[in-house]
Amino acid sequence: MSRAWCSALPGGVRLAVQITPNAKKTEVIGVLDDALKLKLQAQPVEGKANEALVKYLAGELKVPKSAVTITHGLTSKKKLVEILGKLTPEAVEKTFFPL
């Protein structure tokens, strides 16, 4: 599987994500157009979807919420997220797509 949606950074990883807010539950749908596609239970108002995204990614990747930063696309469905920590693209992929 191509990991264009997840790349290594010094001290962490960068994820390209595409979110669908107002879902019944928060979950990963898969990879679409080089982005990790996620459904979020939160509504896209007052940053609630962004907060939910940060909380979800921090929980799944076992890093503190402070380690997760949305660097691009705060008001867009497509976002770039940087996650600091001892993470590799391989480890992130295994977290979301276990065999």
PDB file of N, CA and C in Angstrom:
ATOM      1  N   MET A   1       0.848  -1.194   0.000  1.00  0.00           N
ATOM      2  CA  MET A   1       0.000   0.000   0.000  1.00  0.00           C
ATOM      3  C   MET A   1       0.886   1.247   0.000  1.00  0.00           C
ATOM      4  N   SER A   2       0.605   2.171  -0.859  1.00  0.00           N
ATOM      5  CA  SER A   2       1.340   3.430  -0.896  1.00  0.00           C
ATOM      6  C   SER A   2       0.969   4.265   0.323  1.00  0.00           C
ATOM      7  N   ARG A   3       1.989   4.863   0.919  1.00  0.00           N
ATOM      8  CA  ARG A   3       1.724   5.659   2.118  1.00  0.00           C
ATOM      9  C   ARG A   3       1.895   7.141   1.838  1.00  0.00           C
ATOM     10  N   ALA A   4       1.380   7.625   0.739  1.00  0.00           N
ATOM     11  CA  ALA A   4       1.515   9.051   0.429  1.00  0.00           C
ATOM     12  C   ALA A   4       0.823   9.907   1.497  1.00  0.00           C
ATOM     13  N   TRP A   5      -0.138   9.332   2.214  1.00  0.00           N
ATOM     14  CA  TRP A   5      -0.880  10.060   3.238  1.00  0.00           C
ATOM     15  C   TRP A   5      -0.103  10.202   4.542  1.00  0.00           C
ATOM     16  N   CYS A   6       0.996   9.465   4.676  1.00  0.00           N
ATOM     17  CA  CYS A   6       1.760   9.495   5.917  1.00  0.00           C
ATOM     18  C   CYS A   6       3.240   9.572   5.596  1.00  0.00           C
ATOM     19  N   SER A   7       3.904  10.621   6.067  1.00  0.00           N
ATOM     20  CA  SER A   7       5.330  10.762   5.791  1.00  0.00           C
ATOM     21  C   SER A   7       6.082  11.056   7.084  1.00  0.00           C
ATOM     22  N   ALA A   8       7.350  10.678   7.081  1.00  0.00           N
ATOM     23  CA  ALA A   8       8.183  10.875   8.265  1.00  0.00           C
ATOM     24  C   ALA A   8       8.637  12.319   8.353  1.00  0.00           C
ATOM     25  N   LEU A   9       8.700  12.817   9.580  1.00  0.00           N
ATOM     26  CA  LEU A   9       9.263  14.126   9.878  1.00  0.00           C
ATOM     27  C   LEU A   9      10.347  13.913  10.927  1.00  0.00           C
ATOM     28  N   PRO A  10      11.252  14.890  11.078  1.00  0.00           N
ATOM     29  CA  PRO A  10      12.183  14.749  12.206  1.00  0.00           C
ATOM     30  C   PRO A  10      11.368  14.787  13.503  1.00  0.00           C
ATOM     31  N   GLY A  11      11.413  13.703  14.257  1.00  0.00           N
ATOM     32  CA  GLY A  11      10.696  13.682  15.529  1.00  0.00           C
ATOM     33  C   GLY A  11       9.222  13.340  15.441  1.00  0.00           C
ATOM     34  N   GLY A  12       8.788  12.791  14.303  1.00  0.00           N
ATOM     35  CA  GLY A  12       7.378  12.432  14.213  1.00  0.00           C
ATOM     36  C   GLY A  12       6.935  12.084  12.806  1.00  0.00           C
ATOM     37  N   VAL A  13       5.648  12.294  12.542  1.00  0.00           N
ATOM     38  CA  VAL A  13       5.084  12.000  11.228  1.00  0.00           C
ATOM     39  C   VAL A  13       4.109  13.101  10.824  1.00  0.00           C
ATOM     40  N   ARG A  14       3.845  13.171   9.518  1.00  0.00           N
ATOM     41  CA  ARG A  14       2.832  14.086   8.991  1.00  0.00           C
ATOM     42  C   ARG A  14       1.771  13.237   8.301  1.00  0.00           C
ATOM     43  N   LEU A  15       0.508  13.501   8.627  1.00  0.00           N
ATOM     44  CA  LEU A  15      -0.602  12.781   8.005  1.00  0.00           C
ATOM     45  C   LEU A  15      -1.411  13.739   7.149  1.00  0.00           C
ATOM     46  N   ALA A  16      -1.806  13.271   5.979  1.00  0.00           N
ATOM     47  CA  ALA A  16      -2.803  13.989   5.183  1.00  0.00           C
ATOM     48  C   ALA A  16      -4.127  13.297   5.481  1.00  0.00           C
ATOM     49  N   VAL A  17      -5.106  14.047   5.994  1.00  0.00           N
ATOM     50  CA  VAL A  17      -6.384  13.441   6.337  1.00  0.00           C
ATOM     51  C   VAL A  17      -7.514  14.168   5.631  1.00  0.00           C
ATOM     52  N   GLN A  18      -8.575  13.435   5.384  1.00  0.00           N
ATOM     53  CA  GLN A  18      -9.800  14.030   4.855  1.00  0.00           C
ATOM     54  C   GLN A  18     -10.906  13.590   5.796  1.00  0.00           C
ATOM     55  N   ILE A  19     -11.638  14.565   6.338  1.00  0.00           N
ATOM     56  CA  ILE A  19     -12.644  14.215   7.332  1.00  0.00           C
ATOM     57  C   ILE A  19     -14.059  14.393   6.801  1.00  0.00           C
ATOM     58  N   THR A  20     -14.942  13.591   7.342  1.00  0.00           N
ATOM     59  CA  THR A  20     -16.371  13.734   7.118  1.00  0.00           C
ATOM     60  C   THR A  20     -16.993  13.933   8.499  1.00  0.00           C
ATOM     61  N   PRO A  21     -17.417  15.171   8.803  1.00  0.00           N
ATOM     62  CA  PRO A  21     -18.001  15.415  10.126  1.00  0.00           C
ATOM     63  C   PRO A  21     -19.439  14.903  10.217  1.00  0.00           C
ATOM     64  N   ASN A  22     -20.017  14.985  11.411  1.00  0.00           N
ATOM     65  CA  ASN A  22     -21.423  14.598  11.662  1.00  0.00           C
ATOM     66  C   ASN A  22     -21.699  13.129  11.403  1.00  0.00           C
ATOM     67  N   ALA A  23     -20.695  12.266  11.586  1.00  0.00           N
ATOM     68  CA  ALA A  23     -20.904  10.832  11.382  1.00  0.00           C
ATOM     69  C   ALA A  23     -21.529  10.216  12.630  1.00  0.00           C
ATOM     70  N   LYS A  24     -22.084   9.016  12.472  1.00  0.00           N
ATOM     71  CA  LYS A  24     -22.668   8.320  13.636  1.00  0.00           C
ATOM     72  C   LYS A  24     -21.591   7.963  14.644  1.00  0.00           C
ATOM     73  N   LYS A  25     -20.411   7.555  14.127  1.00  0.00           N
ATOM     74  CA  LYS A  25     -19.303   7.283  15.037  1.00  0.00           C
ATOM     75  C   LYS A  25     -17.996   7.659  14.368  1.00  0.00           C
ATOM     76  N   THR A  26     -16.977   7.896  15.188  1.00  0.00           N
ATOM     77  CA  THR A  26     -15.666   8.264  14.671  1.00  0.00           C
ATOM     78  C   THR A  26     -14.929   6.997  14.263  1.00  0.00           C
ATOM     79  N   GLU A  27     -14.470   6.964  12.992  1.00  0.00           N
ATOM     80  CA  GLU A  27     -13.757   5.782  12.513  1.00  0.00           C
ATOM     81  C   GLU A  27     -12.964   6.107  11.257  1.00  0.00           C
ATOM     82  N   VAL A  28     -11.987   5.242  10.978  1.00  0.00           N
ATOM     83  CA  VAL A  28     -11.201   5.342   9.742  1.00  0.00           C
ATOM     84  C   VAL A  28     -11.955   4.587   8.652  1.00  0.00           C
ATOM     85  N   ILE A  29     -12.112   5.227   7.489  1.00  0.00           N
ATOM     86  CA  ILE A  29     -12.791   4.582   6.370  1.00  0.00           C
ATOM     87  C   ILE A  29     -11.764   3.907   5.454  1.00  0.00           C
ATOM     88  N   GLY A  30     -10.624   4.572   5.272  1.00  0.00           N
ATOM     89  CA  GLY A  30      -9.596   4.021   4.398  1.00  0.00           C
ATOM     90  C   GLY A  30      -8.754   5.143   3.823  1.00  0.00           C
ATOM     91  N   VAL A  31      -8.053   4.857   2.753  1.00  0.00           N
ATOM     92  CA  VAL A  31      -7.221   5.871   2.100  1.00  0.00           C
ATOM     93  C   VAL A  31      -7.843   6.220   0.763  1.00  0.00           C
ATOM     94  N   LEU A  32      -8.018   7.502   0.528  1.00  0.00           N
ATOM     95  CA  LEU A  32      -8.613   7.985  -0.715  1.00  0.00           C
ATOM     96  C   LEU A  32      -7.839   9.198  -1.200  1.00  0.00           C
ATOM     97  N   ASP A  33      -7.426   9.200  -2.450  1.00  0.00           N
ATOM     98  CA  ASP A  33      -6.690  10.338  -3.022  1.00  0.00           C
ATOM     99  C   ASP A  33      -5.528  10.767  -2.136  1.00  0.00           C
ATOM    100  N   ASP A  34      -4.707   9.811  -1.710  1.00  0.00           N
ATOM    101  CA  ASP A  34      -3.529  10.093  -0.894  1.00  0.00           C
ATOM    102  C   ASP A  34      -3.854  10.783   0.425  1.00  0.00           C
ATOM    103  N   ALA A  35      -5.032  10.530   0.984  1.00  0.00           N
ATOM    104  CA  ALA A  35      -5.374  11.057   2.310  1.00  0.00           C
ATOM    105  C   ALA A  35      -6.041   9.950   3.121  1.00  0.00           C
ATOM    106  N   LEU A  36      -5.782   9.968   4.425  1.00  0.00           N
ATOM    107  CA  LEU A  36      -6.460   9.040   5.329  1.00  0.00           C
ATOM    108  C   LEU A  36      -7.862   9.576   5.556  1.00  0.00           C
ATOM    109  N   LYS A  37      -8.861   8.804   5.163  1.00  0.00           N
ATOM    110  CA  LYS A  37     -10.238   9.285   5.250  1.00  0.00           C
ATOM    111  C   LYS A  37     -10.851   8.843   6.574  1.00  0.00           C
ATOM    112  N   LEU A  38     -11.377   9.825   7.299  1.00  0.00           N
ATOM    113  CA  LEU A  38     -11.936   9.586   8.626  1.00  0.00           C
ATOM    114  C   LEU A  38     -13.349  10.120   8.702  1.00  0.00           C
ATOM    115  N   LYS A  39     -14.191   9.400   9.436  1.00  0.00           N
ATOM    116  CA  LYS A  39     -15.494   9.945   9.811  1.00  0.00           C
ATOM    117  C   LYS A  39     -15.363  10.445  11.244  1.00  0.00           C
ATOM    118  N   LEU A  40     -15.893  11.633  11.516  1.00  0.00           N
ATOM    119  CA  LEU A  40     -15.857  12.174  12.873  1.00  0.00           C
ATOM    120  C   LEU A  40     -17.273  12.391  13.371  1.00  0.00           C
ATOM    121  N   GLN A  41     -17.491  12.038  14.630  1.00  0.00           N
ATOM    122  CA  GLN A  41     -18.807  12.204  15.221  1.00  0.00           C
ATOM    123  C   GLN A  41     -19.110  13.692  15.445  1.00  0.00           C
ATOM    124  N   ALA A  42     -18.086  14.504  15.565  1.00  0.00           N
ATOM    125  CA  ALA A  42     -18.258  15.920  15.900  1.00  0.00           C
ATOM    126  C   ALA A  42     -18.832  16.726  14.740  1.00  0.00           C
ATOM    127  N   GLN A  43     -19.416  17.868  15.094  1.00  0.00           N
ATOM    128  CA  GLN A  43     -19.935  18.786  14.084  1.00  0.00           C
ATOM    129  C   GLN A  43     -18.848  19.789  13.697  1.00  0.00           C
ATOM    130  N   PRO A  44     -18.904  20.276  12.447  1.00  0.00           N
ATOM    131  CA  PRO A  44     -17.865  21.208  11.993  1.00  0.00           C
ATOM    132  C   PRO A  44     -18.168  22.643  12.424  1.00  0.00           C
ATOM    133  N   VAL A  45     -18.379  22.864  13.717  1.00  0.00           N
ATOM    134  CA  VAL A  45     -18.638  24.222  14.223  1.00  0.00           C
ATOM    135  C   VAL A  45     -17.669  24.536  15.348  1.00  0.00           C
ATOM    136  N   GLU A  46     -17.202  25.771  15.369  1.00  0.00           N
ATOM    137  CA  GLU A  46     -16.336  26.269  16.441  1.00  0.00           C
ATOM    138  C   GLU A  46     -15.164  25.336  16.738  1.00  0.00           C
ATOM    139  N   GLY A  47     -14.622  24.733  15.705  1.00  0.00           N
ATOM    140  CA  GLY A  47     -13.440  23.893  15.884  1.00  0.00           C
ATOM    141  C   GLY A  47     -13.702  22.543  16.531  1.00  0.00           C
ATOM    142  N   LYS A  48     -14.967  22.177  16.694  1.00  0.00           N
ATOM    143  CA  LYS A  48     -15.273  20.897  17.364  1.00  0.00           C
ATOM    144  C   LYS A  48     -14.735  19.704  16.582  1.00  0.00           C
ATOM    145  N   ALA A  49     -14.854  19.730  15.264  1.00  0.00           N
ATOM    146  CA  ALA A  49     -14.341  18.615  14.457  1.00  0.00           C
ATOM    147  C   ALA A  49     -12.819  18.540  14.566  1.00  0.00           C
ATOM    148  N   ASN A  50     -12.149  19.680  14.581  1.00  0.00           N
ATOM    149  CA  ASN A  50     -10.689  19.679  14.724  1.00  0.00           C
ATOM    150  C   ASN A  50     -10.288  19.108  16.081  1.00  0.00           C
ATOM    151  N   GLU A  51     -10.998  19.522  17.139  1.00  0.00           N
ATOM    152  CA  GLU A  51     -10.713  18.986  18.474  1.00  0.00           C
ATOM    153  C   GLU A  51     -10.909  17.479  18.498  1.00  0.00           C
ATOM    154  N   ALA A  52     -11.996  17.020  17.883  1.00  0.00           N
ATOM    155  CA  ALA A  52     -12.292  15.584  17.858  1.00  0.00           C
ATOM    156  C   ALA A  52     -11.210  14.834  17.089  1.00  0.00           C
ATOM    157  N   LEU A  53     -10.731  15.418  15.994  1.00  0.00           N
ATOM    158  CA  LEU A  53      -9.681  14.792  15.188  1.00  0.00           C
ATOM    159  C   LEU A  53      -8.402  14.647  16.010  1.00  0.00           C
ATOM    160  N   VAL A  54      -8.004  15.714  16.681  1.00  0.00           N
ATOM    161  CA  VAL A  54      -6.788  15.696  17.504  1.00  0.00           C
ATOM    162  C   VAL A  54      -6.922  14.640  18.609  1.00  0.00           C
ATOM    163  N   LYS A  55      -8.075  14.629  19.274  1.00  0.00           N
ATOM    164  CA  LYS A  55      -8.303  13.680  20.362  1.00  0.00           C
ATOM    165  C   LYS A  55      -8.267  12.241  19.842  1.00  0.00           C
ATOM    166  N   TYR A  56      -8.913  12.014  18.709  1.00  0.00           N
ATOM    167  CA  TYR A  56      -8.958  10.664  18.125  1.00  0.00           C
ATOM    168  C   TYR A  56      -7.559  10.187  17.730  1.00  0.00           C
ATOM    169  N   LEU A  57      -6.825  11.033  16.992  1.00  0.00           N
ATOM    170  CA  LEU A  57      -5.492  10.634  16.543  1.00  0.00           C
ATOM    171  C   LEU A  57      -4.563  10.412  17.729  1.00  0.00           C
ATOM    172  N   ALA A  58      -4.630  11.278  18.742  1.00  0.00           N
ATOM    173  CA  ALA A  58      -3.783  11.129  19.928  1.00  0.00           C
ATOM    174  C   ALA A  58      -4.092   9.810  20.631  1.00  0.00           C
ATOM    175  N   GLY A  59      -5.378   9.489  20.746  1.00  0.00           N
ATOM    176  CA  GLY A  59      -5.776   8.249  21.407  1.00  0.00           C
ATOM    177  C   GLY A  59      -5.322   7.015  20.649  1.00  0.00           C
ATOM    178  N   GLU A  60      -5.537   7.017  19.332  1.00  0.00           N
ATOM    179  CA  GLU A  60      -5.179   5.856  18.519  1.00  0.00           C
ATOM    180  C   GLU A  60      -3.666   5.644  18.475  1.00  0.00           C
ATOM    181  N   LEU A  61      -2.915   6.746  18.410  1.00  0.00           N
ATOM    182  CA  LEU A  61      -1.464   6.638  18.262  1.00  0.00           C
ATOM    183  C   LEU A  61      -0.734   6.699  19.600  1.00  0.00           C
ATOM    184  N   LYS A  62      -1.506   6.789  20.688  1.00  0.00           N
ATOM    185  CA  LYS A  62      -0.955   6.777  22.048  1.00  0.00           C
ATOM    186  C   LYS A  62       0.087   7.866  22.270  1.00  0.00           C
ATOM    187  N   VAL A  63      -0.281   9.077  21.881  1.00  0.00           N
ATOM    188  CA  VAL A  63       0.552  10.252  22.150  1.00  0.00           C
ATOM    189  C   VAL A  63      -0.329  11.278  22.870  1.00  0.00           C
ATOM    190  N   PRO A  64       0.282  12.224  23.600  1.00  0.00           N
ATOM    191  CA  PRO A  64      -0.547  13.264  24.229  1.00  0.00           C
ATOM    192  C   PRO A  64      -1.185  14.165  23.172  1.00  0.00           C
ATOM    193  N   LYS A  65      -2.348  14.723  23.485  1.00  0.00           N
ATOM    194  CA  LYS A  65      -3.021  15.614  22.528  1.00  0.00           C
ATOM    195  C   LYS A  65      -2.111  16.774  22.139  1.00  0.00           C
ATOM    196  N   SER A  66      -1.239  17.192  23.060  1.00  0.00           N
ATOM    197  CA  SER A  66      -0.327  18.309  22.771  1.00  0.00           C
ATOM    198  C   SER A  66       0.672  17.968  21.676  1.00  0.00           C
ATOM    199  N   ALA A  67       0.835  16.670  21.369  1.00  0.00           N
ATOM    200  CA  ALA A  67       1.778  16.245  20.327  1.00  0.00           C
ATOM    201  C   ALA A  67       1.154  16.291  18.939  1.00  0.00           C
ATOM    202  N   VAL A  68      -0.167  16.549  18.870  1.00  0.00           N
ATOM    203  CA  VAL A  68      -0.891  16.528  17.593  1.00  0.00           C
ATOM    204  C   VAL A  68      -1.242  17.954  17.195  1.00  0.00           C
ATOM    205  N   THR A  69      -0.781  18.382  16.021  1.00  0.00           N
ATOM    206  CA  THR A  69      -1.035  19.744  15.542  1.00  0.00           C
ATOM    207  C   THR A  69      -1.592  19.711  14.128  1.00  0.00           C
ATOM    208  N   ILE A  70      -2.716  20.379  13.916  1.00  0.00           N
ATOM    209  CA  ILE A  70      -3.234  20.544  12.557  1.00  0.00           C
ATOM    210  C   ILE A  70      -2.506  21.751  11.962  1.00  0.00           C
ATOM    211  N   THR A  71      -1.651  21.502  10.959  1.00  0.00           N
ATOM    212  CA  THR A  71      -0.818  22.574  10.426  1.00  0.00           C
ATOM    213  C   THR A  71      -1.450  23.275   9.228  1.00  0.00           C
ATOM    214  N   HIS A  72      -2.288  22.573   8.482  1.00  0.00           N
ATOM    215  CA  HIS A  72      -2.956  23.166   7.316  1.00  0.00           C
ATOM    216  C   HIS A  72      -4.397  22.673   7.262  1.00  0.00           C
ATOM    217  N   GLY A  73      -5.299  23.532   6.812  1.00  0.00           N
ATOM    218  CA  GLY A  73      -6.664  23.105   6.556  1.00  0.00           C
ATOM    219  C   GLY A  73      -7.588  23.160   7.760  1.00  0.00           C
ATOM    220  N   LEU A  74      -7.366  24.099   8.667  1.00  0.00           N
ATOM    221  CA  LEU A  74      -8.214  24.188   9.867  1.00  0.00           C
ATOM    222  C   LEU A  74      -9.694  24.308   9.528  1.00  0.00           C
ATOM    223  N   THR A  75     -10.010  24.959   8.393  1.00  0.00           N
ATOM    224  CA  THR A  75     -11.422  25.124   8.037  1.00  0.00           C
ATOM    225  C   THR A  75     -11.814  24.272   6.833  1.00  0.00           C
ATOM    226  N   SER A  76     -10.942  23.343   6.465  1.00  0.00           N
ATOM    227  CA  SER A  76     -11.171  22.516   5.285  1.00  0.00           C
ATOM    228  C   SER A  76     -11.387  21.065   5.692  1.00  0.00           C
ATOM    229  N   LYS A  77     -11.985  20.272   4.790  1.00  0.00           N
ATOM    230  CA  LYS A  77     -12.129  18.838   5.067  1.00  0.00           C
ATOM    231  C   LYS A  77     -10.807  18.118   4.893  1.00  0.00           C
ATOM    232  N   LYS A  78      -9.936  18.695   4.064  1.00  0.00           N
ATOM    233  CA  LYS A  78      -8.605  18.111   3.878  1.00  0.00           C
ATOM    234  C   LYS A  78      -7.635  18.860   4.788  1.00  0.00           C
ATOM    235  N   LYS A  79      -6.900  18.100   5.589  1.00  0.00           N
ATOM    236  CA  LYS A  79      -6.008  18.701   6.573  1.00  0.00           C
ATOM    237  C   LYS A  79      -4.644  18.025   6.547  1.00  0.00           C
ATOM    238  N   LEU A  80      -3.643  18.761   6.991  1.00  0.00           N
ATOM    239  CA  LEU A  80      -2.334  18.177   7.255  1.00  0.00           C
ATOM    240  C   LEU A  80      -2.142  18.216   8.759  1.00  0.00           C
ATOM    241  N   VAL A  81      -1.757  17.082   9.320  1.00  0.00           N
ATOM    242  CA  VAL A  81      -1.594  16.972  10.762  1.00  0.00           C
ATOM    243  C   VAL A  81      -0.181  16.487  11.051  1.00  0.00           C
ATOM    244  N   GLU A  82       0.500  17.187  11.970  1.00  0.00           N
ATOM    245  CA  GLU A  82       1.833  16.747  12.381  1.00  0.00           C
ATOM    246  C   GLU A  82       1.721  16.148  13.771  1.00  0.00           C
ATOM    247  N   ILE A  83       2.343  14.990  13.950  1.00  0.00           N
ATOM    248  CA  ILE A  83       2.281  14.280  15.223  1.00  0.00           C
ATOM    249  C   ILE A  83       3.710  14.026  15.690  1.00  0.00           C
ATOM    250  N   LEU A  84       4.051  14.578  16.834  1.00  0.00           N
ATOM    251  CA  LEU A  84       5.381  14.398  17.386  1.00  0.00           C
ATOM    252  C   LEU A  84       5.415  13.147  18.254  1.00  0.00           C
ATOM    253  N   GLY A  85       6.547  12.493  18.254  1.00  0.00           N
ATOM    254  CA  GLY A  85       6.686  11.291  19.070  1.00  0.00           C
ATOM    255  C   GLY A  85       7.497  10.250  18.337  1.00  0.00           C
ATOM    256  N   LYS A  86       7.682   9.124  18.988  1.00  0.00           N
ATOM    257  CA  LYS A  86       8.475   8.039  18.394  1.00  0.00           C
ATOM    258  C   LYS A  86       7.592   7.244  17.446  1.00  0.00           C
ATOM    259  N   LEU A  87       7.165   7.888  16.381  1.00  0.00           N
ATOM    260  CA  LEU A  87       6.271   7.249  15.416  1.00  0.00           C
ATOM    261  C   LEU A  87       6.966   7.153  14.070  1.00  0.00           C
ATOM    262  N   THR A  88       6.638   6.090  13.345  1.00  0.00           N
ATOM    263  CA  THR A  88       7.110   5.950  11.971  1.00  0.00           C
ATOM    264  C   THR A  88       5.877   5.784  11.090  1.00  0.00           C
ATOM    265  N   PRO A  89       5.997   6.090   9.802  1.00  0.00           N
ATOM    266  CA  PRO A  89       4.865   5.845   8.908  1.00  0.00           C
ATOM    267  C   PRO A  89       4.391   4.391   8.981  1.00  0.00           C
ATOM    268  N   GLU A  90       5.339   3.449   9.150  1.00  0.00           N
ATOM    269  CA  GLU A  90       4.963   2.035   9.232  1.00  0.00           C
ATOM    270  C   GLU A  90       4.105   1.772  10.467  1.00  0.00           C
ATOM    271  N   ALA A  91       4.511   2.341  11.600  1.00  0.00           N
ATOM    272  CA  ALA A  91       3.764   2.141  12.843  1.00  0.00           C
ATOM    273  C   ALA A  91       2.378   2.764  12.760  1.00  0.00           C
ATOM    274  N   VAL A  92       2.296   3.941  12.132  1.00  0.00           N
ATOM    275  CA  VAL A  92       0.997   4.608  11.978  1.00  0.00           C
ATOM    276  C   VAL A  92       0.086   3.759  11.089  1.00  0.00           C
ATOM    277  N   GLU A  93       0.644   3.245  10.010  1.00  0.00           N
ATOM    278  CA  GLU A  93      -0.156   2.415   9.102  1.00  0.00           C
ATOM    279  C   GLU A  93      -0.673   1.167   9.823  1.00  0.00           C
ATOM    280  N   LYS A  94       0.176   0.542  10.635  1.00  0.00           N
ATOM    281  CA  LYS A  94      -0.245  -0.648  11.385  1.00  0.00           C
ATOM    282  C   LYS A  94      -1.349  -0.316  12.380  1.00  0.00           C
ATOM    283  N   THR A  95      -1.300   0.898  12.947  1.00  0.00           N
ATOM    284  CA  THR A  95      -2.325   1.307  13.899  1.00  0.00           C
ATOM    285  C   THR A  95      -3.692   1.375  13.216  1.00  0.00           C
ATOM    286  N   PHE A  96      -3.744   1.983  12.037  1.00  0.00           N
ATOM    287  CA  PHE A  96      -5.028   2.186  11.363  1.00  0.00           C
ATOM    288  C   PHE A  96      -5.435   1.020  10.462  1.00  0.00           C
ATOM    289  N   PHE A  97      -4.446   0.252   9.996  1.00  0.00           N
ATOM    290  CA  PHE A  97      -4.735  -0.859   9.105  1.00  0.00           C
ATOM    291  C   PHE A  97      -4.033  -2.121   9.577  1.00  0.00           C
ATOM    292  N   PRO A  98      -4.434  -2.655  10.750  1.00  0.00           N
ATOM    293  CA  PRO A  98      -3.786  -3.877  11.222  1.00  0.00           C
ATOM    294  C   PRO A  98      -4.120  -5.040  10.295  1.00  0.00           C
ATOM    295  N   LEU A  99      -3.203  -5.934  10.135  1.00  0.00           N
ATOM    296  CA  LEU A  99      -3.440  -7.079   9.244  1.00  0.00           C
ATOM    297  C   LEU A  99      -4.293  -8.133   9.938  1.00  0.00           C
TER     298      LEU A  99
END
